Amino acid sequence: MSFYEIEFPLGDLDPDAVEEALQQIGSSSITFVDQGDEPVLEPRPGEIRLWSATLVRALFAAEFEPLQQLEQLCRSLGAERIANARLHAVENRDWERAWLTDWKSMRFGRRLWVCPTESAAPDDPDAIVVRLDPGLAFGTGTHPTTAVCLQVLEALPLSGRSLIDYGCGSGILGIAAVKLGAAHVTAVDLDPQALLATRANAERNGISSRIDVQGVPAVLGKASCVVANILAGPLIELAPVLTAACEPGGDLILSGLLKSQAYEVKAAYAAGFDGLQVIGREEWCCLHAQRAREH
């Protein structure tokens, strides 16, 4: 099937009204993208934040007449709002296959690899391999926040330890921890899609019996390592929960925050942890600390 795309600036239009108008005229998919290079920071669960300069892209099957669709869109949203709309032909491709073509094996630290499920194993006898393909849940290792968490985990002695992965996404951090020797992982997320992805990826890697997947609110026991790759705001709010879940002397790894947010997050955990270190990668960073021992 062939497709075409209508693209126009969102401007001051209401995104919900735009989405409804496009759905009414038969759009197959609607995407809001950044016209510049402006990060969107810290959306709350269920919240959608857009850029100050947002572009709307709507995909249509070729059976719909482009000019007719544009005319209906003008009636719904106003001709002056759609004056800068552009039409593009879209190549018919196997998009899942095209995405996987660009998805390559990556190494984190000395021996940890994240590889596509169908790729050959790394030519390294010491390689520890996590098999993972891109999906609907966050976490493949390509984002700096995930990458730095993987590097920290790879450097820790995890053999026989328990770990909590709060905000597990695809399950990549918990799965990597088990592959690195952790005895058991509790993976927690508020997104049902993340819970499904973590279970599926754990099974794909043959370690599902060692990962307990929970929604929010979760029942957390004590763990000797607590990892949370989420956002600065939720990390601050969860400080009492994550602190209580970390055993004395245990490791805490926090990520998903910008370097400019590190001080505020450090302050939220300073009372319970020793030697908070900031590990930077691009404009992002990760905090690593050890739980203060009881006296």
C-alpha atoms as a PDB file:
ATOM      1  CA  MET A   1       0.000   0.000   0.000  1.00  0.00           C
ATOM      2  CA  SER A   2       1.232   3.522  -0.830  1.00  0.00           C
ATOM      3  CA  PHE A   3       0.991   6.490   1.520  1.00  0.00           C
ATOM      4  CA  TYR A   4       1.398  10.237   1.604  1.00  0.00           C
ATOM      5  CA  GLU A   5       1.998  12.642   4.469  1.00  0.00           C
ATOM      6  CA  ILE A   6       0.521  16.043   5.312  1.00  0.00           C
ATOM      7  CA  GLU A   7       2.872  18.183   7.388  1.00  0.00           C
ATOM      8  CA  PHE A   8       2.169  21.574   8.978  1.00  0.00           C
ATOM      9  CA  PRO A   9       3.244  23.683  12.011  1.00  0.00           C
ATOM     10  CA  LEU A  10       1.107  23.222  15.105  1.00  0.00           C
ATOM     11  CA  GLY A  11       1.442  26.886  16.078  1.00  0.00           C
ATOM     12  CA  ASP A  12      -1.137  27.828  18.711  1.00  0.00           C
ATOM     13  CA  LEU A  13      -3.592  25.109  17.674  1.00  0.00           C
ATOM     14  CA  ASP A  14      -4.871  22.742  20.356  1.00  0.00           C
ATOM     15  CA  PRO A  15      -3.106  19.364  19.844  1.00  0.00           C
ATOM     16  CA  ASP A  16      -6.218  17.418  20.833  1.00  0.00           C
ATOM     17  CA  ALA A  17      -8.333  19.339  18.309  1.00  0.00           C
ATOM     18  CA  VAL A  18      -5.725  18.737  15.608  1.00  0.00           C
ATOM     19  CA  GLU A  19      -5.592  15.026  16.380  1.00  0.00           C
ATOM     20  CA  GLU A  20      -9.398  14.747  16.299  1.00  0.00           C
ATOM     21  CA  ALA A  21      -9.620  16.638  12.983  1.00  0.00           C
ATOM     22  CA  LEU A  22      -6.988  14.409  11.374  1.00  0.00           C
ATOM     23  CA  GLN A  23      -8.620  11.231  12.629  1.00  0.00           C
ATOM     24  CA  GLN A  24     -11.982  12.347  11.234  1.00  0.00           C
ATOM     25  CA  ILE A  25     -10.507  12.644   7.721  1.00  0.00           C
ATOM     26  CA  GLY A  26      -8.857   9.224   7.838  1.00  0.00           C
ATOM     27  CA  SER A  27      -5.294   9.703   9.035  1.00  0.00           C
ATOM     28  CA  SER A  28      -3.506   6.399   9.670  1.00  0.00           C
ATOM     29  CA  SER A  29      -1.064   7.922  12.172  1.00  0.00           C
ATOM     30  CA  ILE A  30      -0.356  11.317  13.708  1.00  0.00           C
ATOM     31  CA  THR A  31       3.050  12.408  14.991  1.00  0.00           C
ATOM     32  CA  PHE A  32       4.153  15.596  16.769  1.00  0.00           C
ATOM     33  CA  VAL A  33       7.854  16.351  16.245  1.00  0.00           C
ATOM     34  CA  ASP A  34      10.315  19.086  17.200  1.00  0.00           C
ATOM     35  CA  GLN A  35      10.970  21.669  14.474  1.00  0.00           C
ATOM     36  CA  GLY A  36      14.239  22.644  16.120  1.00  0.00           C
ATOM     37  CA  ASP A  37      16.444  21.038  18.741  1.00  0.00           C
ATOM     38  CA  GLU A  38      14.576  21.692  21.965  1.00  0.00           C
ATOM     39  CA  PRO A  39      14.447  18.957  24.634  1.00  0.00           C
ATOM     40  CA  VAL A  40      11.161  18.207  26.364  1.00  0.00           C
ATOM     41  CA  LEU A  41      11.951  17.627  30.016  1.00  0.00           C
ATOM     42  CA  GLU A  42      10.158  15.802  32.785  1.00  0.00           C
ATOM     43  CA  PRO A  43       6.659  14.947  31.575  1.00  0.00           C
ATOM     44  CA  ARG A  44       4.574  13.486  34.370  1.00  0.00           C
ATOM     45  CA  PRO A  45       3.048  10.024  33.899  1.00  0.00           C
ATOM     46  CA  GLY A  46       0.276  10.386  31.348  1.00  0.00           C
ATOM     47  CA  GLU A  47       1.280  13.973  30.508  1.00  0.00           C
ATOM     48  CA  ILE A  48       2.201  15.035  26.969  1.00  0.00           C
ATOM     49  CA  ARG A  49       4.491  18.021  26.610  1.00  0.00           C
ATOM     50  CA  LEU A  50       5.203  19.539  23.225  1.00  0.00           C
ATOM     51  CA  TRP A  51       7.885  21.853  21.928  1.00  0.00           C
ATOM     52  CA  SER A  52       7.463  25.598  21.439  1.00  0.00           C
ATOM     53  CA  ALA A  53       7.887  24.958  17.685  1.00  0.00           C
ATOM     54  CA  THR A  54       6.050  21.715  16.924  1.00  0.00           C
ATOM     55  CA  LEU A  55       5.467  20.087  13.556  1.00  0.00           C
ATOM     56  CA  VAL A  56       2.437  17.878  12.878  1.00  0.00           C
ATOM     57  CA  ARG A  57       2.845  14.938  10.521  1.00  0.00           C
ATOM     58  CA  ALA A  58      -0.207  12.947   9.471  1.00  0.00           C
ATOM     59  CA  LEU A  59      -0.008   9.791   7.369  1.00  0.00           C
ATOM     60  CA  PHE A  60      -2.732   8.869   4.855  1.00  0.00           C
ATOM     61  CA  ALA A  61      -3.269   5.894   2.578  1.00  0.00           C
ATOM     62  CA  ALA A  62      -3.083   6.756  -1.127  1.00  0.00           C
ATOM     63  CA  GLU A  63      -6.794   5.963  -1.510  1.00  0.00           C
ATOM     64  CA  PHE A  64      -7.513   9.356   0.076  1.00  0.00           C
ATOM     65  CA  GLU A  65      -7.306  12.354  -2.274  1.00  0.00           C
ATOM     66  CA  PRO A  66      -4.652  14.744  -0.851  1.00  0.00           C
ATOM     67  CA  LEU A  67      -6.248  17.995  -1.956  1.00  0.00           C
ATOM     68  CA  GLN A  68      -9.621  16.891  -0.678  1.00  0.00           C
ATOM     69  CA  GLN A  69      -8.116  16.022   2.698  1.00  0.00           C
ATOM     70  CA  LEU A  70      -6.395  19.408   2.858  1.00  0.00           C
ATOM     71  CA  GLU A  71      -9.655  21.153   2.059  1.00  0.00           C
ATOM     72  CA  GLN A  72     -11.450  19.322   4.880  1.00  0.00           C
ATOM     73  CA  LEU A  73      -8.580  20.142   7.227  1.00  0.00           C
ATOM     74  CA  CYS A  74      -8.853  23.829   6.344  1.00  0.00           C
ATOM     75  CA  ARG A  75     -12.545  23.769   7.193  1.00  0.00           C
ATOM     76  CA  SER A  76     -11.857  22.118  10.542  1.00  0.00           C
ATOM     77  CA  LEU A  77      -8.816  24.081  11.683  1.00  0.00           C
ATOM     78  CA  GLY A  78      -8.896  27.265   9.594  1.00  0.00           C
ATOM     79  CA  ALA A  79      -7.331  27.945   6.202  1.00  0.00           C
ATOM     80  CA  GLU A  80      -4.775  30.362   7.652  1.00  0.00           C
ATOM     81  CA  ARG A  81      -3.513  27.659  10.033  1.00  0.00           C
ATOM     82  CA  ILE A  82      -2.943  25.168   7.211  1.00  0.00           C
ATOM     83  CA  ALA A  83      -1.489  27.669   4.733  1.00  0.00           C
ATOM     84  CA  ASN A  84       2.030  26.269   5.176  1.00  0.00           C
ATOM     85  CA  ALA A  85       1.035  22.616   4.898  1.00  0.00           C
ATOM     86  CA  ARG A  86       3.202  20.372   2.717  1.00  0.00           C
ATOM     87  CA  LEU A  87       2.474  17.083   0.990  1.00  0.00           C
ATOM     88  CA  HIS A  88       5.047  14.292   0.792  1.00  0.00           C
ATOM     89  CA  ALA A  89       4.921  10.897  -0.868  1.00  0.00           C
ATOM     90  CA  VAL A  90       5.975   8.177   1.583  1.00  0.00           C
ATOM     91  CA  GLU A  91       7.940   5.189   0.378  1.00  0.00           C
ATOM     92  CA  ASN A  92       6.281   1.870   1.094  1.00  0.00           C
ATOM     93  CA  ARG A  93       8.722  -0.036   3.324  1.00  0.00           C
ATOM     94  CA  ASP A  94       8.816  -2.678   6.003  1.00  0.00           C
ATOM     95  CA  TRP A  95       9.383  -0.075   8.738  1.00  0.00           C
ATOM     96  CA  GLU A  96      10.095  -2.594  11.484  1.00  0.00           C
ATOM     97  CA  ARG A  97      12.759  -4.216   9.319  1.00  0.00           C
ATOM     98  CA  ALA A  98      14.188  -0.807   8.362  1.00  0.00           C
ATOM     99  CA  TRP A  99      14.489   0.178  12.030  1.00  0.00           C
ATOM    100  CA  LEU A 100      16.195  -3.088  12.937  1.00  0.00           C
ATOM    101  CA  THR A 101      18.696  -2.592  10.110  1.00  0.00           C
ATOM    102  CA  ASP A 102      20.115   0.386  12.009  1.00  0.00           C
ATOM    103  CA  TRP A 103      20.051  -1.384  15.379  1.00  0.00           C
ATOM    104  CA  LYS A 104      23.580  -2.641  16.084  1.00  0.00           C
ATOM    105  CA  SER A 105      25.330  -4.492  18.906  1.00  0.00           C
ATOM    106  CA  MET A 106      26.776  -2.193  21.576  1.00  0.00           C
ATOM    107  CA  ARG A 107      29.326  -2.784  24.324  1.00  0.00           C
ATOM    108  CA  PHE A 108      29.124  -1.236  27.784  1.00  0.00           C
ATOM    109  CA  GLY A 109      32.213  -1.370  29.932  1.00  0.00           C
ATOM    110  CA  ARG A 110      34.639  -4.228  29.401  1.00  0.00           C
ATOM    111  CA  ARG A 111      32.359  -7.217  28.763  1.00  0.00           C
ATOM    112  CA  LEU A 112      28.649  -6.324  28.696  1.00  0.00           C
ATOM    113  CA  TRP A 113      26.992  -6.314  25.261  1.00  0.00           C
ATOM    114  CA  VAL A 114      23.436  -5.468  24.192  1.00  0.00           C
ATOM    115  CA  CYS A 115      22.746  -7.172  20.871  1.00  0.00           C
ATOM    116  CA  PRO A 116      19.788  -7.605  18.486  1.00  0.00           C
ATOM    117  CA  THR A 117      18.194 -11.027  18.860  1.00  0.00           C
ATOM    118  CA  GLU A 118      19.191 -12.124  15.366  1.00  0.00           C
ATOM    119  CA  SER A 119      22.776 -10.843  15.364  1.00  0.00           C
ATOM    120  CA  ALA A 120      25.843 -13.008  15.814  1.00  0.00           C
ATOM    121  CA  ALA A 121      27.429 -13.110  19.255  1.00  0.00           C
ATOM    122  CA  PRO A 122      30.414 -10.777  19.755  1.00  0.00           C
ATOM    123  CA  ASP A 123      33.802 -12.281  18.967  1.00  0.00           C
ATOM    124  CA  ASP A 124      34.808 -12.148  22.613  1.00  0.00           C
ATOM    125  CA  PRO A 125      34.937 -15.228  24.876  1.00  0.00           C
ATOM    126  CA  ASP A 126      34.299 -13.050  27.947  1.00  0.00           C
ATOM    127  CA  ALA A 127      31.258 -11.284  26.460  1.00  0.00           C
ATOM    128  CA  ILE A 128      28.097 -11.150  28.553  1.00  0.00           C
ATOM    129  CA  VAL A 129      25.233 -10.693  26.099  1.00  0.00           C
ATOM    130  CA  VAL A 130      21.766  -9.204  26.598  1.00  0.00           C
ATOM    131  CA  ARG A 131      19.488  -9.899  23.628  1.00  0.00           C
ATOM    132  CA  LEU A 132      17.076  -7.034  22.998  1.00  0.00           C
ATOM    133  CA  ASP A 133      15.226  -5.475  20.067  1.00  0.00           C
ATOM    134  CA  PRO A 134      13.637  -2.004  20.002  1.00  0.00           C
ATOM    135  CA  GLY A 135      10.057  -2.009  21.224  1.00  0.00           C
ATOM    136  CA  LEU A 136       7.352   0.170  22.755  1.00  0.00           C
ATOM    137  CA  ALA A 137       9.051   0.374  26.158  1.00  0.00           C
ATOM    138  CA  PHE A 138      12.017   2.675  26.837  1.00  0.00           C
ATOM    139  CA  GLY A 139      15.479   1.168  27.097  1.00  0.00           C
ATOM    140  CA  THR A 140      17.818  -0.272  24.467  1.00  0.00           C
ATOM    141  CA  GLY A 141      21.091   1.292  25.583  1.00  0.00           C
ATOM    142  CA  THR A 142      21.156   3.947  22.891  1.00  0.00           C
ATOM    143  CA  HIS A 143      20.093   6.770  25.220  1.00  0.00           C
ATOM    144  CA  PRO A 144      22.907   8.203  27.391  1.00  0.00           C
ATOM    145  CA  THR A 145      20.966   7.645  30.618  1.00  0.00           C
ATOM    146  CA  THR A 146      20.586   3.922  29.942  1.00  0.00           C
ATOM    147  CA  ALA A 147      24.138   3.607  28.658  1.00  0.00           C
ATOM    148  CA  VAL A 148      25.710   5.089  31.776  1.00  0.00           C
ATOM    149  CA  CYS A 149      23.580   2.870  34.050  1.00  0.00           C
ATOM    150  CA  LEU A 150      24.776  -0.187  32.129  1.00  0.00           C
ATOM    151  CA  GLN A 151      28.382   0.926  32.490  1.00  0.00           C
ATOM    152  CA  VAL A 152      28.013   1.370  36.250  1.00  0.00           C
ATOM    153  CA  LEU A 153      26.313  -2.018  36.626  1.00  0.00           C
ATOM    154  CA  GLU A 154      29.039  -3.695  34.585  1.00  0.00           C
ATOM    155  CA  ALA A 155      31.678  -2.315  36.951  1.00  0.00           C
ATOM    156  CA  LEU A 156      29.922  -3.497  40.141  1.00  0.00           C
ATOM    157  CA  PRO A 157      30.378  -6.894  41.803  1.00  0.00           C
ATOM    158  CA  LEU A 158      26.802  -8.162  41.379  1.00  0.00           C
ATOM    159  CA  SER A 159      27.288 -11.884  41.926  1.00  0.00           C
ATOM    160  CA  GLY A 160      24.578 -13.284  44.210  1.00  0.00           C
ATOM    161  CA  ARG A 161      23.057  -9.881  44.956  1.00  0.00           C
ATOM    162  CA  SER A 162      19.443  -8.685  44.805  1.00  0.00           C
ATOM    163  CA  LEU A 163      18.465  -5.652  42.729  1.00  0.00           C
ATOM    164  CA  ILE A 164      15.441  -3.380  42.338  1.00  0.00           C
ATOM    165  CA  ASP A 165      14.963  -1.778  38.912  1.00  0.00           C
ATOM    166  CA  TYR A 166      12.420   1.006  39.506  1.00  0.00           C
ATOM    167  CA  GLY A 167      11.069   2.284  36.176  1.00  0.00           C
ATOM    168  CA  CYS A 168      12.210  -0.831  34.330  1.00  0.00           C
ATOM    169  CA  GLY A 169      10.986   0.088  30.826  1.00  0.00           C
ATOM    170  CA  SER A 170      12.180  -2.690  28.527  1.00  0.00           C
ATOM    171  CA  GLY A 171      13.803  -4.483  31.463  1.00  0.00           C
ATOM    172  CA  ILE A 172      17.290  -3.920  30.073  1.00  0.00           C
ATOM    173  CA  LEU A 173      18.942  -2.938  33.371  1.00  0.00           C
ATOM    174  CA  GLY A 174      17.469  -5.787  35.394  1.00  0.00           C
ATOM    175  CA  ILE A 175      18.243  -8.327  32.679  1.00  0.00           C
ATOM    176  CA  ALA A 176      21.811  -7.031  32.430  1.00  0.00           C
ATOM    177  CA  ALA A 177      22.161  -7.311  36.223  1.00  0.00           C
ATOM    178  CA  VAL A 178      21.087 -10.970  36.172  1.00  0.00           C
ATOM    179  CA  LYS A 179      23.450 -11.690  33.296  1.00  0.00           C
ATOM    180  CA  LEU A 180      26.200 -10.066  35.362  1.00  0.00           C
ATOM    181  CA  GLY A 181      25.489 -12.401  38.262  1.00  0.00           C
ATOM    182  CA  ALA A 182      22.639 -10.886  40.291  1.00  0.00           C
ATOM    183  CA  ALA A 183      20.559 -13.571  41.994  1.00  0.00           C
ATOM    184  CA  HIS A 184      17.189 -11.826  41.763  1.00  0.00           C
ATOM    185  CA  VAL A 185      15.674  -8.630  40.341  1.00  0.00           C
ATOM    186  CA  THR A 186      12.430  -6.868  41.202  1.00  0.00           C
ATOM    187  CA  ALA A 187      11.391  -4.830  38.142  1.00  0.00           C
ATOM    188  CA  VAL A 188       8.807  -2.074  38.688  1.00  0.00           C
ATOM    189  CA  ASP A 189       7.007   0.240  36.268  1.00  0.00           C
ATOM    190  CA  LEU A 190       3.724   2.148  36.080  1.00  0.00           C
ATOM    191  CA  ASP A 191       3.381   1.519  32.313  1.00  0.00           C
ATOM    192  CA  PRO A 192       1.622  -1.791  31.513  1.00  0.00           C
ATOM    193  CA  GLN A 193       3.504  -1.933  28.201  1.00  0.00           C
ATOM    194  CA  ALA A 194       6.797  -1.823  30.104  1.00  0.00           C
ATOM    195  CA  LEU A 195       5.718  -4.726  32.295  1.00  0.00           C
ATOM    196  CA  LEU A 196       4.859  -6.807  29.217  1.00  0.00           C
ATOM    197  CA  ALA A 197       8.148  -5.850  27.540  1.00  0.00           C
ATOM    198  CA  THR A 198      10.206  -6.737  30.619  1.00  0.00           C
ATOM    199  CA  ARG A 199       8.565 -10.139  30.940  1.00  0.00           C
ATOM    200  CA  ALA A 200       9.028 -10.863  27.222  1.00  0.00           C
ATOM    201  CA  ASN A 201      12.652  -9.724  27.193  1.00  0.00           C
ATOM    202  CA  ALA A 202      13.450 -11.684  30.359  1.00  0.00           C
ATOM    203  CA  GLU A 203      12.021 -14.822  28.738  1.00  0.00           C
ATOM    204  CA  ARG A 204      13.951 -14.116  25.533  1.00  0.00           C
ATOM    205  CA  ASN A 205      17.145 -13.989  27.578  1.00  0.00           C
ATOM    206  CA  GLY A 206      16.316 -17.148  29.507  1.00  0.00           C
ATOM    207  CA  ILE A 207      16.239 -15.509  32.938  1.00  0.00           C
ATOM    208  CA  SER A 208      12.508 -14.986  33.588  1.00  0.00           C
ATOM    209  CA  SER A 209      12.597 -17.099  36.767  1.00  0.00           C
ATOM    210  CA  ARG A 210      14.974 -14.576  38.344  1.00  0.00           C
ATOM    211  CA  ILE A 211      12.928 -11.429  37.607  1.00  0.00           C
ATOM    212  CA  ASP A 212       9.779 -10.454  39.507  1.00  0.00           C
ATOM    213  CA  VAL A 213       7.768  -7.860  37.553  1.00  0.00           C
ATOM    214  CA  GLN A 214       5.456  -5.521  39.484  1.00  0.00           C
ATOM    215  CA  GLY A 215       3.227  -2.581  38.665  1.00  0.00           C
ATOM    216  CA  VAL A 216       2.868   0.540  40.798  1.00  0.00           C
ATOM    217  CA  PRO A 217       2.318   0.589  43.752  1.00  0.00           C
ATOM    218  CA  ALA A 218       4.885  -2.140  44.249  1.00  0.00           C
ATOM    219  CA  VAL A 219       5.694  -4.216  47.314  1.00  0.00           C
ATOM    220  CA  LEU A 220       9.414  -3.678  47.744  1.00  0.00           C
ATOM    221  CA  GLY A 221      11.662  -5.639  50.032  1.00  0.00           C
ATOM    222  CA  LYS A 222      15.266  -4.736  50.753  1.00  0.00           C
ATOM    223  CA  ALA A 223      17.822  -5.067  47.952  1.00  0.00           C
ATOM    224  CA  SER A 224      21.585  -4.686  47.886  1.00  0.00           C
ATOM    225  CA  CYS A 225      21.383  -2.580  44.710  1.00  0.00           C
ATOM    226  CA  VAL A 226      18.648  -0.126  43.693  1.00  0.00           C
ATOM    227  CA  VAL A 227      18.517   1.326  40.179  1.00  0.00           C
ATOM    228  CA  ALA A 228      16.072   3.981  38.951  1.00  0.00           C
ATOM    229  CA  ASN A 229      16.433   5.419  35.457  1.00  0.00           C
ATOM    230  CA  ILE A 230      13.415   7.722  35.360  1.00  0.00           C
ATOM    231  CA  LEU A 231      13.289  11.541  35.726  1.00  0.00           C
ATOM    232  CA  ALA A 232      14.566  14.071  38.246  1.00  0.00           C
ATOM    233  CA  GLY A 233      11.135  15.002  39.639  1.00  0.00           C
ATOM    234  CA  PRO A 234       9.988  11.430  40.343  1.00  0.00           C
ATOM    235  CA  LEU A 235      13.454  10.563  41.695  1.00  0.00           C
ATOM    236  CA  ILE A 236      13.118  13.331  44.281  1.00  0.00           C
ATOM    237  CA  GLU A 237       9.570  12.253  45.195  1.00  0.00           C
ATOM    238  CA  LEU A 238      10.656   8.623  45.510  1.00  0.00           C
ATOM    239  CA  ALA A 239      13.679   9.363  47.703  1.00  0.00           C
ATOM    240  CA  PRO A 240      12.081   7.931  50.893  1.00  0.00           C
ATOM    241  CA  VAL A 241      10.909   4.787  49.065  1.00  0.00           C
ATOM    242  CA  LEU A 242      14.174   4.058  47.243  1.00  0.00           C
ATOM    243  CA  THR A 243      16.271   4.893  50.308  1.00  0.00           C
ATOM    244  CA  ALA A 244      14.270   2.484  52.465  1.00  0.00           C
ATOM    245  CA  ALA A 245      14.595  -0.238  49.806  1.00  0.00           C
ATOM    246  CA  CYS A 246      18.391  -0.088  49.723  1.00  0.00           C
ATOM    247  CA  GLU A 247      20.232  -2.228  52.254  1.00  0.00           C
ATOM    248  CA  PRO A 248      22.954  -0.613  54.396  1.00  0.00           C
ATOM    249  CA  GLY A 249      26.139  -0.675  52.358  1.00  0.00           C
ATOM    250  CA  GLY A 250      24.134  -1.270  49.167  1.00  0.00           C
ATOM    251  CA  ASP A 251      24.518   0.577  45.870  1.00  0.00           C
ATOM    252  CA  LEU A 252      22.153   3.239  44.561  1.00  0.00           C
ATOM    253  CA  ILE A 253      22.164   4.181  40.854  1.00  0.00           C
ATOM    254  CA  LEU A 254      19.936   7.057  39.746  1.00  0.00           C
ATOM    255  CA  SER A 255      19.662   8.330  36.186  1.00  0.00           C
ATOM    256  CA  GLY A 256      17.330  10.008  33.723  1.00  0.00           C
ATOM    257  CA  LEU A 257      18.400  13.495  34.764  1.00  0.00           C
ATOM    258  CA  LEU A 258      20.297  16.370  33.215  1.00  0.00           C
ATOM    259  CA  LYS A 259      23.580  17.532  34.713  1.00  0.00           C
ATOM    260  CA  SER A 260      21.800  20.742  35.758  1.00  0.00           C
ATOM    261  CA  GLN A 261      19.390  18.651  37.876  1.00  0.00           C
ATOM    262  CA  ALA A 262      22.048  16.616  39.684  1.00  0.00           C
ATOM    263  CA  TYR A 263      22.426  18.943  42.685  1.00  0.00           C
ATOM    264  CA  GLU A 264      18.736  18.864  43.591  1.00  0.00           C
ATOM    265  CA  VAL A 265      18.538  15.078  43.268  1.00  0.00           C
ATOM    266  CA  LYS A 266      21.745  14.619  45.299  1.00  0.00           C
ATOM    267  CA  ALA A 267      20.245  16.774  48.056  1.00  0.00           C
ATOM    268  CA  ALA A 268      17.182  14.495  48.265  1.00  0.00           C
ATOM    269  CA  TYR A 269      19.376  11.426  48.943  1.00  0.00           C
ATOM    270  CA  ALA A 270      22.341  12.961  50.795  1.00  0.00           C
ATOM    271  CA  ALA A 271      21.131  12.045  54.302  1.00  0.00           C
ATOM    272  CA  GLY A 272      20.960   8.329  53.567  1.00  0.00           C
ATOM    273  CA  PHE A 273      23.928   7.760  51.286  1.00  0.00           C
ATOM    274  CA  ASP A 274      27.691   8.192  51.333  1.00  0.00           C
ATOM    275  CA  GLY A 275      29.965   9.390  48.538  1.00  0.00           C
ATOM    276  CA  LEU A 276      27.396  10.451  45.963  1.00  0.00           C
ATOM    277  CA  GLN A 277      29.221  10.527  42.630  1.00  0.00           C
ATOM    278  CA  VAL A 278      28.003  12.221  39.451  1.00  0.00           C
ATOM    279  CA  ILE A 279      28.879  10.390  36.239  1.00  0.00           C
ATOM    280  CA  GLY A 280      28.222  12.494  33.152  1.00  0.00           C
ATOM    281  CA  ARG A 281      27.493  11.542  29.559  1.00  0.00           C
ATOM    282  CA  GLU A 282      26.711  14.340  27.113  1.00  0.00           C
ATOM    283  CA  GLU A 283      24.224  16.659  28.872  1.00  0.00           C
ATOM    284  CA  TRP A 284      22.863  13.796  30.992  1.00  0.00           C
ATOM    285  CA  CYS A 285      24.200  12.230  34.162  1.00  0.00           C
ATOM    286  CA  CYS A 286      23.921   9.345  36.594  1.00  0.00           C
ATOM    287  CA  LEU A 287      24.337   9.367  40.380  1.00  0.00           C
ATOM    288  CA  HIS A 288      26.041   6.467  42.150  1.00  0.00           C
ATOM    289  CA  ALA A 289      26.280   6.154  45.923  1.00  0.00           C
ATOM    290  CA  GLN A 290      26.365   3.635  48.743  1.00  0.00           C
ATOM    291  CA  ARG A 291      23.749   3.407  51.464  1.00  0.00           C
ATOM    292  CA  ALA A 292      25.074   4.607  54.780  1.00  0.00           C
ATOM    293  CA  ARG A 293      25.756   1.724  57.173  1.00  0.00           C
ATOM    294  CA  GLU A 294      23.828   1.547  60.410  1.00  0.00           C
ATOM    295  CA  HIS A 295      25.821   2.300  63.555  1.00  0.00           C
END
